Amino acid sequence: VQLVESGGGLVQPGGSLRLSCVASGMFFSAQDMGWYRQAPERQRELVARITAGGVLRNYAEAVKGRFTISRDNAKNTVYLQMNNLVPEDTAVYYCNEAPKGGVWPWGRGAQVTVSS
């Protein structure tokens, strides 16, 4: 199993980014997926979750209304659209099975830095 995240970068407060995660080596379309983030000196947290069929989505309170999770099962890819970013969103972002996380080896993640 391999998870490869991309799309991170440096953005000013109020800006947007779209993260992608390509999965291989598992039956992707049967898995609930999530985006997690880990800020320096903090534990990794689940910020968004989407069910296998893409019908149900849940978000952490801190990102609700600003982030949108989606998936394309034909491409084995899950996305995270992040709008109106704030400095507190600065973290390394990872994808994995949800809600437990860590079911598969973690990828390298995508660094998101929100700063003026």
PDB file of N, CA and C in Angstrom:
ATOM      1  N   VAL A   1       0.845  -1.188   0.000  1.00  0.00           N
ATOM      2  CA  VAL A   1       0.000   0.000   0.000  1.00  0.00           C
ATOM      3  C   VAL A   1       0.885   1.245   0.000  1.00  0.00           C
ATOM      4  N   GLN A   2       0.510   2.196  -0.840  1.00  0.00           N
ATOM      5  CA  GLN A   2       1.261   3.441  -0.913  1.00  0.00           C
ATOM      6  C   GLN A   2       0.301   4.615  -1.012  1.00  0.00           C
ATOM      7  N   LEU A   3       0.578   5.659  -0.246  1.00  0.00           N
ATOM      8  CA  LEU A   3      -0.199   6.887  -0.263  1.00  0.00           C
ATOM      9  C   LEU A   3       0.737   8.031  -0.595  1.00  0.00           C
ATOM     10  N   VAL A   4       0.399   8.804  -1.619  1.00  0.00           N
ATOM     11  CA  VAL A   4       1.268   9.895  -2.058  1.00  0.00           C
ATOM     12  C   VAL A   4       0.461  11.189  -2.090  1.00  0.00           C
ATOM     13  N   GLU A   5       0.826  12.097  -1.187  1.00  0.00           N
ATOM     14  CA  GLU A   5       0.146  13.383  -1.088  1.00  0.00           C
ATOM     15  C   GLU A   5       0.900  14.442  -1.899  1.00  0.00           C
ATOM     16  N   SER A   6       0.156  15.396  -2.435  1.00  0.00           N
ATOM     17  CA  SER A   6       0.763  16.501  -3.179  1.00  0.00           C
ATOM     18  C   SER A   6      -0.139  17.719  -3.100  1.00  0.00           C
ATOM     19  N   GLY A   7       0.402  18.871  -3.520  1.00  0.00           N
ATOM     20  CA  GLY A   7      -0.395  20.084  -3.601  1.00  0.00           C
ATOM     21  C   GLY A   7      -0.159  21.087  -2.493  1.00  0.00           C
ATOM     22  N   GLY A   8       0.715  20.770  -1.556  1.00  0.00           N
ATOM     23  CA  GLY A   8       0.991  21.715  -0.486  1.00  0.00           C
ATOM     24  C   GLY A   8       1.795  22.907  -0.969  1.00  0.00           C
ATOM     25  N   GLY A   9       2.011  23.848  -0.058  1.00  0.00           N
ATOM     26  CA  GLY A   9       2.803  25.020  -0.407  1.00  0.00           C
ATOM     27  C   GLY A   9       2.661  26.125   0.614  1.00  0.00           C
ATOM     28  N   LEU A  10       3.205  27.273   0.250  1.00  0.00           N
ATOM     29  CA  LEU A  10       3.118  28.470   1.081  1.00  0.00           C
ATOM     30  C   LEU A  10       2.019  29.370   0.535  1.00  0.00           C
ATOM     31  N   VAL A  11       1.114  29.798   1.394  1.00  0.00           N
ATOM     32  CA  VAL A  11      -0.007  30.625   0.957  1.00  0.00           C
ATOM     33  C   VAL A  11      -0.269  31.693   2.001  1.00  0.00           C
ATOM     34  N   GLN A  12      -0.766  32.834   1.562  1.00  0.00           N
ATOM     35  CA  GLN A  12      -1.105  33.905   2.490  1.00  0.00           C
ATOM     36  C   GLN A  12      -2.442  33.624   3.171  1.00  0.00           C
ATOM     37  N   PRO A  13      -2.639  34.178   4.349  1.00  0.00           N
ATOM     38  CA  PRO A  13      -3.955  34.045   4.997  1.00  0.00           C
ATOM     39  C   PRO A  13      -5.074  34.475   4.056  1.00  0.00           C
ATOM     40  N   GLY A  14      -6.141  33.680   4.043  1.00  0.00           N
ATOM     41  CA  GLY A  14      -7.248  33.930   3.131  1.00  0.00           C
ATOM     42  C   GLY A  14      -7.118  33.220   1.799  1.00  0.00           C
ATOM     43  N   GLY A  15      -5.975  32.630   1.552  1.00  0.00           N
ATOM     44  CA  GLY A  15      -5.743  31.935   0.297  1.00  0.00           C
ATOM     45  C   GLY A  15      -6.313  30.529   0.269  1.00  0.00           C
ATOM     46  N   SER A  16      -6.077  29.834  -0.838  1.00  0.00           N
ATOM     47  CA  SER A  16      -6.611  28.492  -1.048  1.00  0.00           C
ATOM     48  C   SER A  16      -5.531  27.549  -1.564  1.00  0.00           C
ATOM     49  N   LEU A  17      -5.725  26.282  -1.266  1.00  0.00           N
ATOM     50  CA  LEU A  17      -4.894  25.208  -1.798  1.00  0.00           C
ATOM     51  C   LEU A  17      -5.768  23.995  -2.016  1.00  0.00           C
ATOM     52  N   ARG A  18      -5.355  23.148  -2.953  1.00  0.00           N
ATOM     53  CA  ARG A  18      -6.035  21.878  -3.171  1.00  0.00           C
ATOM     54  C   ARG A  18      -5.014  20.754  -3.058  1.00  0.00           C
ATOM     55  N   LEU A  19      -5.232  19.884  -2.098  1.00  0.00           N
ATOM     56  CA  LEU A  19      -4.367  18.737  -1.896  1.00  0.00           C
ATOM     57  C   LEU A  19      -4.933  17.524  -2.621  1.00  0.00           C
ATOM     58  N   SER A  20      -4.027  16.662  -3.076  1.00  0.00           N
ATOM     59  CA  SER A  20      -4.410  15.397  -3.697  1.00  0.00           C
ATOM     60  C   SER A  20      -3.664  14.263  -3.015  1.00  0.00           C
ATOM     61  N   CYS A  21      -4.289  13.113  -2.990  1.00  0.00           N
ATOM     62  CA  CYS A  21      -3.651  11.915  -2.443  1.00  0.00           C
ATOM     63  C   CYS A  21      -4.003  10.745  -3.359  1.00  0.00           C
ATOM     64  N   VAL A  22      -2.976  10.161  -3.947  1.00  0.00           N
ATOM     65  CA  VAL A  22      -3.165   8.999  -4.807  1.00  0.00           C
ATOM     66  C   VAL A  22      -2.816   7.745  -4.014  1.00  0.00           C
ATOM     67  N   ALA A  23      -3.733   6.801  -4.011  1.00  0.00           N
ATOM     68  CA  ALA A  23      -3.562   5.562  -3.265  1.00  0.00           C
ATOM     69  C   ALA A  23      -3.340   4.401  -4.225  1.00  0.00           C
ATOM     70  N   SER A  24      -2.501   3.462  -3.797  1.00  0.00           N
ATOM     71  CA  SER A  24      -2.287   2.258  -4.597  1.00  0.00           C
ATOM     72  C   SER A  24      -2.087   1.084  -3.661  1.00  0.00           C
ATOM     73  N   GLY A  25      -2.401  -0.102  -4.176  1.00  0.00           N
ATOM     74  CA  GLY A  25      -2.179  -1.311  -3.403  1.00  0.00           C
ATOM     75  C   GLY A  25      -3.318  -1.735  -2.504  1.00  0.00           C
ATOM     76  N   MET A  26      -4.459  -1.035  -2.595  1.00  0.00           N
ATOM     77  CA  MET A  26      -5.629  -1.480  -1.830  1.00  0.00           C
ATOM     78  C   MET A  26      -6.883  -1.259  -2.666  1.00  0.00           C
ATOM     79  N   PHE A  27      -7.980  -1.823  -2.177  1.00  0.00           N
ATOM     80  CA  PHE A  27      -9.257  -1.682  -2.850  1.00  0.00           C
ATOM     81  C   PHE A  27      -9.821  -0.321  -2.453  1.00  0.00           C
ATOM     82  N   PHE A  28      -9.348   0.737  -3.121  1.00  0.00           N
ATOM     83  CA  PHE A  28      -9.602   2.106  -2.716  1.00  0.00           C
ATOM     84  C   PHE A  28     -11.090   2.405  -2.629  1.00  0.00           C
ATOM     85  N   SER A  29     -11.854   1.972  -3.592  1.00  0.00           N
ATOM     86  CA  SER A  29     -13.263   2.367  -3.653  1.00  0.00           C
ATOM     87  C   SER A  29     -14.101   1.759  -2.540  1.00  0.00           C
ATOM     88  N   ALA A  30     -13.531   0.846  -1.771  1.00  0.00           N
ATOM     89  CA  ALA A  30     -14.257   0.231  -0.656  1.00  0.00           C
ATOM     90  C   ALA A  30     -13.891   0.841   0.687  1.00  0.00           C
ATOM     91  N   GLN A  31     -13.006   1.832   0.682  1.00  0.00           N
ATOM     92  CA  GLN A  31     -12.459   2.372   1.924  1.00  0.00           C
ATOM     93  C   GLN A  31     -12.988   3.765   2.227  1.00  0.00           C
ATOM     94  N   ASP A  32     -13.409   3.980   3.469  1.00  0.00           N
ATOM     95  CA  ASP A  32     -13.599   5.349   3.933  1.00  0.00           C
ATOM     96  C   ASP A  32     -12.212   5.977   4.039  1.00  0.00           C
ATOM     97  N   MET A  33     -12.093   7.228   3.612  1.00  0.00           N
ATOM     98  CA  MET A  33     -10.798   7.911   3.612  1.00  0.00           C
ATOM     99  C   MET A  33     -10.866   9.200   4.412  1.00  0.00           C
ATOM    100  N   GLY A  34      -9.724   9.639   4.874  1.00  0.00           N
ATOM    101  CA  GLY A  34      -9.675  10.878   5.630  1.00  0.00           C
ATOM    102  C   GLY A  34      -8.407  11.655   5.353  1.00  0.00           C
ATOM    103  N   TRP A  35      -8.491  12.948   5.607  1.00  0.00           N
ATOM    104  CA  TRP A  35      -7.317  13.812   5.625  1.00  0.00           C
ATOM    105  C   TRP A  35      -7.004  14.134   7.089  1.00  0.00           C
ATOM    106  N   TYR A  36      -5.733  13.981   7.412  1.00  0.00           N
ATOM    107  CA  TYR A  36      -5.231  14.246   8.740  1.00  0.00           C
ATOM    108  C   TYR A  36      -4.183  15.371   8.646  1.00  0.00           C
ATOM    109  N   ARG A  37      -3.916  16.018   9.755  1.00  0.00           N
ATOM    110  CA  ARG A  37      -2.841  17.004   9.770  1.00  0.00           C
ATOM    111  C   ARG A  37      -2.094  16.936  11.098  1.00  0.00           C
ATOM    112  N   GLN A  38      -0.830  17.291  11.031  1.00  0.00           N
ATOM    113  CA  GLN A  38      -0.010  17.330  12.229  1.00  0.00           C
ATOM    114  C   GLN A  38       0.819  18.606  12.218  1.00  0.00           C
ATOM    115  N   ALA A  39       0.531  19.460  13.178  1.00  0.00           N
ATOM    116  CA  ALA A  39       1.290  20.687  13.358  1.00  0.00           C
ATOM    117  C   ALA A  39       2.466  20.410  14.289  1.00  0.00           C
ATOM    118  N   PRO A  40       3.491  21.257  14.257  1.00  0.00           N
ATOM    119  CA  PRO A  40       4.652  21.043  15.130  1.00  0.00           C
ATOM    120  C   PRO A  40       4.252  20.919  16.594  1.00  0.00           C
ATOM    121  N   GLU A  41       4.780  19.901  17.235  1.00  0.00           N
ATOM    122  CA  GLU A  41       4.570  19.645  18.662  1.00  0.00           C
ATOM    123  C   GLU A  41       3.104  19.353  18.993  1.00  0.00           C
ATOM    124  N   ARG A  42       2.346  18.909  18.016  1.00  0.00           N
ATOM    125  CA  ARG A  42       0.961  18.531  18.268  1.00  0.00           C
ATOM    126  C   ARG A  42       0.694  17.145  17.705  1.00  0.00           C
ATOM    127  N   GLN A  43      -0.327  16.494  18.211  1.00  0.00           N
ATOM    128  CA  GLN A  43      -0.684  15.178  17.730  1.00  0.00           C
ATOM    129  C   GLN A  43      -1.391  15.279  16.388  1.00  0.00           C
ATOM    130  N   ARG A  44      -1.282  14.230  15.618  1.00  0.00           N
ATOM    131  CA  ARG A  44      -1.984  14.173  14.343  1.00  0.00           C
ATOM    132  C   ARG A  44      -3.484  14.134  14.608  1.00  0.00           C
ATOM    133  N   GLU A  45      -4.246  14.887  13.813  1.00  0.00           N
ATOM    134  CA  GLU A  45      -5.695  14.957  14.005  1.00  0.00           C
ATOM    135  C   GLU A  45      -6.406  14.750  12.668  1.00  0.00           C
ATOM    136  N   LEU A  46      -7.586  14.172  12.759  1.00  0.00           N
ATOM    137  CA  LEU A  46      -8.433  13.963  11.582  1.00  0.00           C
ATOM    138  C   LEU A  46      -9.201  15.248  11.312  1.00  0.00           C
ATOM    139  N   VAL A  47      -9.097  15.786  10.105  1.00  0.00           N
ATOM    140  CA  VAL A  47      -9.796  17.036   9.793  1.00  0.00           C
ATOM    141  C   VAL A  47     -10.972  16.839   8.840  1.00  0.00           C
ATOM    142  N   ALA A  48     -10.959  15.770   8.049  1.00  0.00           N
ATOM    143  CA  ALA A  48     -12.056  15.554   7.120  1.00  0.00           C
ATOM    144  C   ALA A  48     -12.132  14.067   6.785  1.00  0.00           C
ATOM    145  N   ARG A  49     -13.341  13.596   6.585  1.00  0.00           N
ATOM    146  CA  ARG A  49     -13.567  12.167   6.323  1.00  0.00           C
ATOM    147  C   ARG A  49     -14.627  12.046   5.253  1.00  0.00           C
ATOM    148  N   ILE A  50     -14.469  11.036   4.383  1.00  0.00           N
ATOM    149  CA  ILE A  50     -15.455  10.784   3.338  1.00  0.00           C
ATOM    150  C   ILE A  50     -15.684   9.286   3.245  1.00  0.00           C
ATOM    151  N   THR A  51     -16.928   8.899   3.103  1.00  0.00           N
ATOM    152  CA  THR A  51     -17.237   7.481   3.002  1.00  0.00           C
ATOM    153  C   THR A  51     -16.820   6.928   1.649  1.00  0.00           C
ATOM    154  N   ALA A  52     -16.833   5.602   1.547  1.00  0.00           N
ATOM    155  CA  ALA A  52     -16.305   4.924   0.363  1.00  0.00           C
ATOM    156  C   ALA A  52     -16.969   5.406  -0.920  1.00  0.00           C
ATOM    157  N   GLY A  53     -18.269   5.595  -0.882  1.00  0.00           N
ATOM    158  CA  GLY A  53     -19.000   6.019  -2.067  1.00  0.00           C
ATOM    159  C   GLY A  53     -19.033   7.518  -2.262  1.00  0.00           C
ATOM    160  N   GLY A  54     -18.490   8.250  -1.312  1.00  0.00           N
ATOM    161  CA  GLY A  54     -18.423   9.694  -1.433  1.00  0.00           C
ATOM    162  C   GLY A  54     -19.679  10.430  -1.031  1.00  0.00           C
ATOM    163  N   VAL A  55     -20.632   9.726  -0.440  1.00  0.00           N
ATOM    164  CA  VAL A  55     -21.915  10.361  -0.118  1.00  0.00           C
ATOM    165  C   VAL A  55     -21.844  11.167   1.172  1.00  0.00           C
ATOM    166  N   LEU A  56     -21.227  10.595   2.199  1.00  0.00           N
ATOM    167  CA  LEU A  56     -21.190  11.244   3.508  1.00  0.00           C
ATOM    168  C   LEU A  56     -19.810  11.835   3.771  1.00  0.00           C
ATOM    169  N   ARG A  57     -19.812  13.040   4.326  1.00  0.00           N
ATOM    170  CA  ARG A  57     -18.569  13.740   4.651  1.00  0.00           C
ATOM    171  C   ARG A  57     -18.695  14.353   6.038  1.00  0.00           C
ATOM    172  N   ASN A  58     -17.605  14.316   6.785  1.00  0.00           N
ATOM    173  CA  ASN A  58     -17.570  14.925   8.109  1.00  0.00           C
ATOM    174  C   ASN A  58     -16.303  15.764   8.223  1.00  0.00           C
ATOM    175  N   TYR A  59     -16.404  16.830   9.036  1.00  0.00           N
ATOM    176  CA  TYR A  59     -15.283  17.742   9.199  1.00  0.00           C
ATOM    177  C   TYR A  59     -15.066  18.078  10.659  1.00  0.00           C
ATOM    178  N   ALA A  60     -13.818  18.334  10.992  1.00  0.00           N
ATOM    179  CA  ALA A  60     -13.509  18.877  12.308  1.00  0.00           C
ATOM    180  C   ALA A  60     -14.072  20.290  12.394  1.00  0.00           C
ATOM    181  N   GLU A  61     -14.452  20.696  13.590  1.00  0.00           N
ATOM    182  CA  GLU A  61     -15.047  22.016  13.777  1.00  0.00           C
ATOM    183  C   GLU A  61     -14.131  23.124  13.264  1.00  0.00           C
ATOM    184  N   ALA A  62     -12.840  22.950  13.422  1.00  0.00           N
ATOM    185  CA  ALA A  62     -11.888  24.010  13.063  1.00  0.00           C
ATOM    186  C   ALA A  62     -11.854  24.298  11.564  1.00  0.00           C
ATOM    187  N   VAL A  63     -12.303  23.347  10.746  1.00  0.00           N
ATOM    188  CA  VAL A  63     -12.211  23.529   9.293  1.00  0.00           C
ATOM    189  C   VAL A  63     -13.579  23.540   8.629  1.00  0.00           C
ATOM    190  N   LYS A  64     -14.616  23.301   9.380  1.00  0.00           N
ATOM    191  CA  LYS A  64     -15.965  23.228   8.812  1.00  0.00           C
ATOM    192  C   LYS A  64     -16.329  24.537   8.109  1.00  0.00           C
ATOM    193  N   GLY A  65     -16.840  24.414   6.898  1.00  0.00           N
ATOM    194  CA  GLY A  65     -17.207  25.594   6.126  1.00  0.00           C
ATOM    195  C   GLY A  65     -16.079  26.148   5.280  1.00  0.00           C
ATOM    196  N   ARG A  66     -14.860  25.681   5.506  1.00  0.00           N
ATOM    197  CA  ARG A  66     -13.714  26.168   4.751  1.00  0.00           C
ATOM    198  C   ARG A  66     -13.065  25.068   3.907  1.00  0.00           C
ATOM    199  N   PHE A  67     -13.082  23.837   4.402  1.00  0.00           N
ATOM    200  CA  PHE A  67     -12.457  22.712   3.706  1.00  0.00           C
ATOM    201  C   PHE A  67     -13.547  21.821   3.095  1.00  0.00           C
ATOM    202  N   THR A  68     -13.224  21.220   1.955  1.00  0.00           N
ATOM    203  CA  THR A  68     -14.121  20.270   1.315  1.00  0.00           C
ATOM    204  C   THR A  68     -13.332  19.049   0.871  1.00  0.00           C
ATOM    205  N   ILE A  69     -13.772  17.882   1.328  1.00  0.00           N
ATOM    206  CA  ILE A  69     -13.142  16.624   0.922  1.00  0.00           C
ATOM    207  C   ILE A  69     -13.957  16.009  -0.208  1.00  0.00           C
ATOM    208  N   SER A  70     -13.263  15.423  -1.170  1.00  0.00           N
ATOM    209  CA  SER A  70     -13.935  14.736  -2.275  1.00  0.00           C
ATOM    210  C   SER A  70     -13.040  13.592  -2.729  1.00  0.00           C
ATOM    211  N   ARG A  71     -13.573  12.763  -3.608  1.00  0.00           N
ATOM    212  CA  ARG A  71     -12.789  11.627  -4.092  1.00  0.00           C
ATOM    213  C   ARG A  71     -13.201  11.279  -5.505  1.00  0.00           C
ATOM    214  N   ASP A  72     -12.272  10.644  -6.210  1.00  0.00           N
ATOM    215  CA  ASP A  72     -12.516  10.096  -7.540  1.00  0.00           C
ATOM    216  C   ASP A  72     -12.052   8.648  -7.485  1.00  0.00           C
ATOM    217  N   ASN A  73     -12.992   7.732  -7.331  1.00  0.00           N
ATOM    218  CA  ASN A  73     -12.612   6.322  -7.173  1.00  0.00           C
ATOM    219  C   ASN A  73     -12.008   5.745  -8.451  1.00  0.00           C
ATOM    220  N   ALA A  74     -12.338   6.311  -9.584  1.00  0.00           N
ATOM    221  CA  ALA A  74     -11.753   5.836 -10.839  1.00  0.00           C
ATOM    222  C   ALA A  74     -10.263   6.161 -10.914  1.00  0.00           C
ATOM    223  N   LYS A  75      -9.852   7.180 -10.167  1.00  0.00           N
ATOM    224  CA  LYS A  75      -8.446   7.590 -10.162  1.00  0.00           C
ATOM    225  C   LYS A  75      -7.737   7.234  -8.859  1.00  0.00           C
ATOM    226  N   ASN A  76      -8.436   6.528  -7.967  1.00  0.00           N
ATOM    227  CA  ASN A  76      -7.845   6.169  -6.665  1.00  0.00           C
ATOM    228  C   ASN A  76      -7.309   7.402  -5.948  1.00  0.00           C
ATOM    229  N   THR A  77      -8.044   8.479  -6.004  1.00  0.00           N
ATOM    230  CA  THR A  77      -7.562   9.761  -5.492  1.00  0.00           C
ATOM    231  C   THR A  77      -8.591  10.403  -4.573  1.00  0.00           C
ATOM    232  N   VAL A  78      -8.090  10.977  -3.480  1.00  0.00           N
ATOM    233  CA  VAL A  78      -8.911  11.771  -2.589  1.00  0.00           C
ATOM    234  C   VAL A  78      -8.326  13.183  -2.557  1.00  0.00           C
ATOM    235  N   TYR A  79      -9.224  14.165  -2.487  1.00  0.00           N
ATOM    236  CA  TYR A  79      -8.821  15.565  -2.557  1.00  0.00           C
ATOM    237  C   TYR A  79      -9.240  16.323  -1.282  1.00  0.00           C
ATOM    238  N   LEU A  80      -8.546  17.414  -1.028  1.00  0.00           N
ATOM    239  CA  LEU A  80      -8.952  18.326   0.034  1.00  0.00           C
ATOM    240  C   LEU A  80      -8.819  19.747  -0.486  1.00  0.00           C
ATOM    241  N   GLN A  81      -9.953  20.376  -0.731  1.00  0.00           N
ATOM    242  CA  GLN A  81      -9.974  21.778  -1.131  1.00  0.00           C
ATOM    243  C   GLN A  81      -9.996  22.618   0.133  1.00  0.00           C
ATOM    244  N   MET A  82      -9.024  23.495   0.284  1.00  0.00           N
ATOM    245  CA  MET A  82      -8.893  24.309   1.489  1.00  0.00           C
ATOM    246  C   MET A  82      -9.008  25.782   1.102  1.00  0.00           C
ATOM    247  N   ASN A  83     -10.032  26.434   1.612  1.00  0.00           N
ATOM    248  CA  ASN A  83     -10.268  27.850   1.328  1.00  0.00           C
ATOM    249  C   ASN A  83     -10.158  28.671   2.604  1.00  0.00           C
ATOM    250  N   ASN A  84      -9.978  29.973   2.424  1.00  0.00           N
ATOM    251  CA  ASN A  84      -9.906  30.898   3.554  1.00  0.00           C
ATOM    252  C   ASN A  84      -8.937  30.382   4.619  1.00  0.00           C
ATOM    253  N   LEU A  85      -7.748  30.034   4.182  1.00  0.00           N
ATOM    254  CA  LEU A  85      -6.765  29.453   5.091  1.00  0.00           C
ATOM    255  C   LEU A  85      -6.309  30.470   6.133  1.00  0.00           C
ATOM    256  N   VAL A  86      -6.026  29.959   7.327  1.00  0.00           N
ATOM    257  CA  VAL A  86      -5.538  30.771   8.440  1.00  0.00           C
ATOM    258  C   VAL A  86      -4.231  30.177   8.935  1.00  0.00           C
ATOM    259  N   PRO A  87      -3.415  30.972   9.652  1.00  0.00           N
ATOM    260  CA  PRO A  87      -2.120  30.450  10.118  1.00  0.00           C
ATOM    261  C   PRO A  87      -2.232  29.162  10.926  1.00  0.00           C
ATOM    262  N   GLU A  88      -3.344  28.982  11.635  1.00  0.00           N
ATOM    263  CA  GLU A  88      -3.535  27.769  12.433  1.00  0.00           C
ATOM    264  C   GLU A  88      -3.694  26.516  11.587  1.00  0.00           C
ATOM    265  N   ASP A  89      -3.867  26.681  10.293  1.00  0.00           N
ATOM    266  CA  ASP A  89      -3.950  25.526   9.391  1.00  0.00           C
ATOM    267  C   ASP A  89      -2.570  25.024   8.987  1.00  0.00           C
ATOM    268  N   THR A  90      -1.527  25.725   9.373  1.00  0.00           N
ATOM    269  CA  THR A  90      -0.171  25.300   9.047  1.00  0.00           C
ATOM    270  C   THR A  90       0.129  23.940   9.675  1.00  0.00           C
ATOM    271  N   ALA A  91       0.494  22.991   8.836  1.00  0.00           N
ATOM    272  CA  ALA A  91       0.728  21.616   9.289  1.00  0.00           C
ATOM    273  C   ALA A  91       1.178  20.778   8.099  1.00  0.00           C
ATOM    274  N   VAL A  92       1.586  19.553   8.391  1.00  0.00           N
ATOM    275  CA  VAL A  92       1.777  18.558   7.339  1.00  0.00           C
ATOM    276  C   VAL A  92       0.473  17.770   7.232  1.00  0.00           C
ATOM    277  N   TYR A  93      -0.034  17.656   6.023  1.00  0.00           N
ATOM    278  CA  TYR A  93      -1.307  16.995   5.772  1.00  0.00           C
ATOM    279  C   TYR A  93      -1.082  15.613   5.161  1.00  0.00           C
ATOM    280  N   TYR A  94      -1.803  14.633   5.690  1.00  0.00           N
ATOM    281  CA  TYR A  94      -1.700  13.246   5.254  1.00  0.00           C
ATOM    282  C   TYR A  94      -3.084  12.699   4.933  1.00  0.00           C
ATOM    283  N   CYS A  95      -3.125  11.692   4.074  1.00  0.00           N
ATOM    284  CA  CYS A  95      -4.364  10.947   3.885  1.00  0.00           C
ATOM    285  C   CYS A  95      -4.148   9.523   4.416  1.00  0.00           C
ATOM    286  N   ASN A  96      -5.227   8.880   4.779  1.00  0.00           N
ATOM    287  CA  ASN A  96      -5.190   7.498   5.252  1.00  0.00           C
ATOM    288  C   ASN A  96      -6.622   7.031   5.414  1.00  0.00           C
ATOM    289  N   GLU A  97      -6.759   5.776   5.779  1.00  0.00           N
ATOM    290  CA  GLU A  97      -8.087   5.248   6.075  1.00  0.00           C
ATOM    291  C   GLU A  97      -8.681   6.049   7.238  1.00  0.00           C
ATOM    292  N   ALA A  98      -9.956   6.216   7.245  1.00  0.00           N
ATOM    293  CA  ALA A  98     -10.637   6.919   8.331  1.00  0.00           C
ATOM    294  C   ALA A  98     -11.692   6.003   8.927  1.00  0.00           C
ATOM    295  N   PRO A  99     -12.002   6.134  10.203  1.00  0.00           N
ATOM    296  CA  PRO A  99     -11.511   7.199  11.064  1.00  0.00           C
ATOM    297  C   PRO A  99     -10.282   6.849  11.899  1.00  0.00           C
ATOM    298  N   LYS A 100      -9.806   5.593  11.819  1.00  0.00           N
ATOM    299  CA  LYS A 100      -8.725   5.199  12.741  1.00  0.00           C
ATOM    300  C   LYS A 100      -7.382   5.815  12.347  1.00  0.00           C
ATOM    301  N   GLY A 101      -7.121   5.901  11.059  1.00  0.00           N
ATOM    302  CA  GLY A 101      -5.817   6.383  10.612  1.00  0.00           C
ATOM    303  C   GLY A 101      -4.743   5.363  10.918  1.00  0.00           C
ATOM    304  N   GLY A 102      -3.671   5.360  10.130  1.00  0.00           N
ATOM    305  CA  GLY A 102      -2.572   4.458  10.404  1.00  0.00           C
ATOM    306  C   GLY A 102      -2.817   3.011  10.035  1.00  0.00           C
ATOM    307  N   VAL A 103      -3.960   2.745   9.419  1.00  0.00           N
ATOM    308  CA  VAL A 103      -4.214   1.369   8.961  1.00  0.00           C
ATOM    309  C   VAL A 103      -3.193   1.010   7.891  1.00  0.00           C
ATOM    310  N   TRP A 104      -2.877   1.990   7.074  1.00  0.00           N
ATOM    311  CA  TRP A 104      -1.837   1.819   6.055  1.00  0.00           C
ATOM    312  C   TRP A 104      -0.630   2.685   6.414  1.00  0.00           C
ATOM    313  N   PRO A 105       0.540   2.377   5.855  1.00  0.00           N
ATOM    314  CA  PRO A 105       1.714   3.204   6.147  1.00  0.00           C
ATOM    315  C   PRO A 105       1.451   4.657   5.758  1.00  0.00           C
ATOM    316  N   TRP A 106       1.861   5.575   6.620  1.00  0.00           N
ATOM    317  CA  TRP A 106       1.692   6.979   6.307  1.00  0.00           C
ATOM    318  C   TRP A 106       2.610   7.379   5.160  1.00  0.00           C
ATOM    319  N   GLY A 107       2.106   8.262   4.291  1.00  0.00           N
ATOM    320  CA  GLY A 107       2.934   8.825   3.248  1.00  0.00           C
ATOM    321  C   GLY A 107       3.826   9.923   3.797  1.00  0.00           C
ATOM    322  N   ARG A 108       4.488  10.640   2.894  1.00  0.00           N
ATOM    323  CA  ARG A 108       5.370  11.722   3.317  1.00  0.00           C
ATOM    324  C   ARG A 108       4.599  12.971   3.681  1.00  0.00           C
ATOM    325  N   GLY A 109       3.374  13.057   3.245  1.00  0.00           N
ATOM    326  CA  GLY A 109       2.562  14.209   3.580  1.00  0.00           C
ATOM    327  C   GLY A 109       2.801  15.390   2.663  1.00  0.00           C
ATOM    328  N   ALA A 110       1.967  16.402   2.832  1.00  0.00           N
ATOM    329  CA  ALA A 110       2.086  17.649   2.069  1.00  0.00           C
ATOM    330  C   ALA A 110       2.162  18.798   3.062  1.00  0.00           C
ATOM    331  N   GLN A 111       3.246  19.547   2.994  1.00  0.00           N
ATOM    332  CA  GLN A 111       3.429  20.683   3.916  1.00  0.00           C
ATOM    333  C   GLN A 111       2.570  21.856   3.452  1.00  0.00           C
ATOM    334  N   VAL A 112       1.762  22.355   4.368  1.00  0.00           N
ATOM    335  CA  VAL A 112       0.964  23.553   4.122  1.00  0.00           C
ATOM    336  C   VAL A 112       1.404  24.619   5.126  1.00  0.00           C
ATOM    337  N   THR A 113       1.823  25.749   4.604  1.00  0.00           N
ATOM    338  CA  THR A 113       2.252  26.851   5.452  1.00  0.00           C
ATOM    339  C   THR A 113       1.429  28.081   5.101  1.00  0.00           C
ATOM    340  N   VAL A 114       0.755  28.624   6.102  1.00  0.00           N
ATOM    341  CA  VAL A 114      -0.078  29.811   5.908  1.00  0.00           C
ATOM    342  C   VAL A 114       0.589  30.968   6.648  1.00  0.00           C
ATOM    343  N   SER A 115       1.092  31.908   5.888  1.00  0.00           N
ATOM    344  CA  SER A 115       1.844  33.000   6.493  1.00  0.00           C
ATOM    345  C   SER A 115       1.869  34.185   5.552  1.00  0.00           C
ATOM    346  N   SER A 116       1.881  35.364   6.137  1.00  0.00           N
ATOM    347  CA  SER A 116       1.998  36.575   5.331  1.00  0.00           C
ATOM    348  C   SER A 116       3.468  37.007   5.243  1.00  0.00           C
TER     349      SER A 116
END
